[in-house]
């Protein structure tokens, strides 16, 4: 399969950074994979803290109105920031994989034509 098709599909639908690895940019791919992993870990930690704040220790069954009120009082800016950073890295990963894959395919076609 052509790299111009395979690499952005890997970055878009499997794991961001995988397209760079398919294209031979191992260092860039590992940096993107590592960044996504760190963002994921931070998001999980923030979500756990959010759930702990909503469902306080010692309470058996808070009412849905209490849960909603607690959720409304929480700060979601960290999660929004993490999501925005993920979106930027994701888009960069797909576009970079597409452009680099296209360059690799053009070079391969030129070599065949020689």
Protein backbone atom coordinates (compact mmCIF):
# COMPACT_ATOMS: atom_id res chain seq x y z
CA UNK A 1 0.00 0.00 0.00
CA UNK A 2 1.24 3.49 -0.75
CA UNK A 3 2.78 5.32 2.19
CA UNK A 4 0.78 8.45 1.34
CA UNK A 5 -2.34 6.46 2.23
CA UNK A 6 -1.11 3.99 4.87
CA UNK A 7 0.82 6.33 7.15
CA UNK A 8 -1.87 8.97 7.75
CA UNK A 9 -4.43 6.21 8.25
CA UNK A 10 -2.20 4.68 10.93
CA UNK A 11 -1.85 8.06 12.65
CA UNK A 12 -5.53 8.90 12.32
CA UNK A 13 -7.26 5.66 13.20
CA UNK A 14 -4.80 3.56 15.19
CA UNK A 15 -2.32 5.59 17.23
CA UNK A 16 -0.98 9.10 16.60
CA UNK A 17 2.73 8.74 15.80
CA UNK A 18 2.42 5.35 14.16
CA UNK A 19 2.29 6.97 10.72
CA UNK A 20 5.65 8.62 11.35
CA UNK A 21 7.11 5.25 12.32
CA UNK A 22 5.69 3.69 9.13
CA UNK A 23 7.36 6.50 7.16
CA UNK A 24 10.71 5.80 8.83
CA UNK A 25 10.70 8.78 11.23
CA UNK A 26 11.21 6.66 14.34
CA UNK A 27 12.33 9.50 16.62
CA UNK A 28 9.42 11.77 15.67
CA UNK A 29 6.96 8.87 15.97
CA UNK A 30 8.20 7.95 19.45
CA UNK A 31 8.00 11.58 20.57
CA UNK A 32 4.39 11.80 19.40
CA UNK A 33 3.53 8.43 20.97
CA UNK A 34 5.14 9.51 24.25
CA UNK A 35 3.30 12.84 24.21
CA UNK A 36 -0.03 11.11 23.67
CA UNK A 37 0.73 8.67 26.50
CA UNK A 38 1.62 11.50 28.91
CA UNK A 39 -1.56 13.40 27.98
CA UNK A 40 -3.59 10.23 28.53
CA UNK A 41 -2.07 9.67 31.98
CA UNK A 42 -2.68 13.29 33.03
CA UNK A 43 -6.28 13.11 31.79
CA UNK A 44 -6.93 9.89 33.73
CA UNK A 45 -5.46 11.40 36.91
CA UNK A 46 -7.61 14.51 36.49
CA UNK A 47 -10.75 12.45 35.85
CA UNK A 48 -10.11 10.32 38.96
CA UNK A 49 -9.72 13.46 41.06
CA UNK A 50 -12.92 14.85 39.57
CA UNK A 51 -14.86 11.68 40.41
CA UNK A 52 -13.41 11.68 43.93
CA UNK A 53 -14.55 15.28 44.40
CA UNK A 54 -18.06 14.50 43.20
CA UNK A 55 -18.45 11.26 45.16
CA UNK A 56 -16.97 12.19 48.50
CA UNK A 57 -15.73 9.52 50.88
CA UNK A 58 -18.22 8.42 53.51
CA UNK A 59 -21.32 9.25 51.49
CA UNK A 60 -23.43 6.29 50.55
CA UNK A 61 -25.81 7.55 47.87
CA UNK A 62 -25.76 11.24 46.95
CA UNK A 63 -28.80 12.39 45.02
CA UNK A 64 -28.51 13.15 41.34
CA UNK A 65 -29.16 16.84 42.10
CA UNK A 66 -26.16 16.88 44.46
CA UNK A 67 -23.99 15.15 41.88
CA UNK A 68 -25.01 17.64 39.21
CA UNK A 69 -24.38 20.58 41.54
CA UNK A 70 -20.91 19.26 42.42
CA UNK A 71 -20.08 18.71 38.76
CA UNK A 72 -21.12 22.25 37.92
CA UNK A 73 -18.87 23.61 40.64
CA UNK A 74 -15.80 21.72 39.38
CA UNK A 75 -13.15 23.23 37.13
CA UNK A 76 -12.87 21.47 33.77
CA UNK A 77 -10.24 23.80 32.32
CA UNK A 78 -7.43 21.25 32.74
CA UNK A 79 -9.37 18.62 30.82
CA UNK A 80 -10.22 21.13 28.08
CA UNK A 81 -6.56 22.11 27.84
CA UNK A 82 -5.46 18.45 27.62
CA UNK A 83 -8.07 17.82 24.92
CA UNK A 84 -6.89 20.86 22.93
CA UNK A 85 -3.25 19.74 23.14
CA UNK A 86 -4.28 16.24 22.05
CA UNK A 87 -6.19 17.68 19.07
CA UNK A 88 -3.16 19.71 17.97
CA UNK A 89 -0.81 16.72 18.25
CA UNK A 90 -3.35 14.48 16.50
CA UNK A 91 -3.80 16.85 13.56
CA UNK A 92 -0.05 17.42 13.28
CA UNK A 93 0.52 13.67 13.28
CA UNK A 94 -1.97 12.99 10.48
CA UNK A 95 -0.90 15.93 8.28
CA UNK A 96 2.80 15.22 8.77
CA UNK A 97 2.34 11.53 7.96
CA UNK A 98 0.35 12.41 4.82
CA UNK A 99 2.91 14.91 3.52
CA UNK A 100 5.93 12.73 4.31
CA UNK A 101 4.23 9.65 2.83
CA UNK A 102 3.50 11.59 -0.36
CA UNK A 103 7.15 12.64 -0.62
CA UNK A 104 8.30 9.04 -0.12
CA UNK A 105 5.89 7.81 -2.82
CA UNK A 106 7.03 10.52 -5.28
CA UNK A 107 10.69 9.64 -4.70
CA UNK A 108 9.95 5.94 -5.20
CA UNK A 109 8.08 6.70 -8.44
CA UNK A 110 10.97 8.85 -9.70
CA UNK A 111 13.45 6.05 -8.98
CA UNK A 112 11.33 3.56 -10.91
CA UNK A 113 11.19 5.96 -13.85
CA UNK A 114 14.97 6.26 -14.10
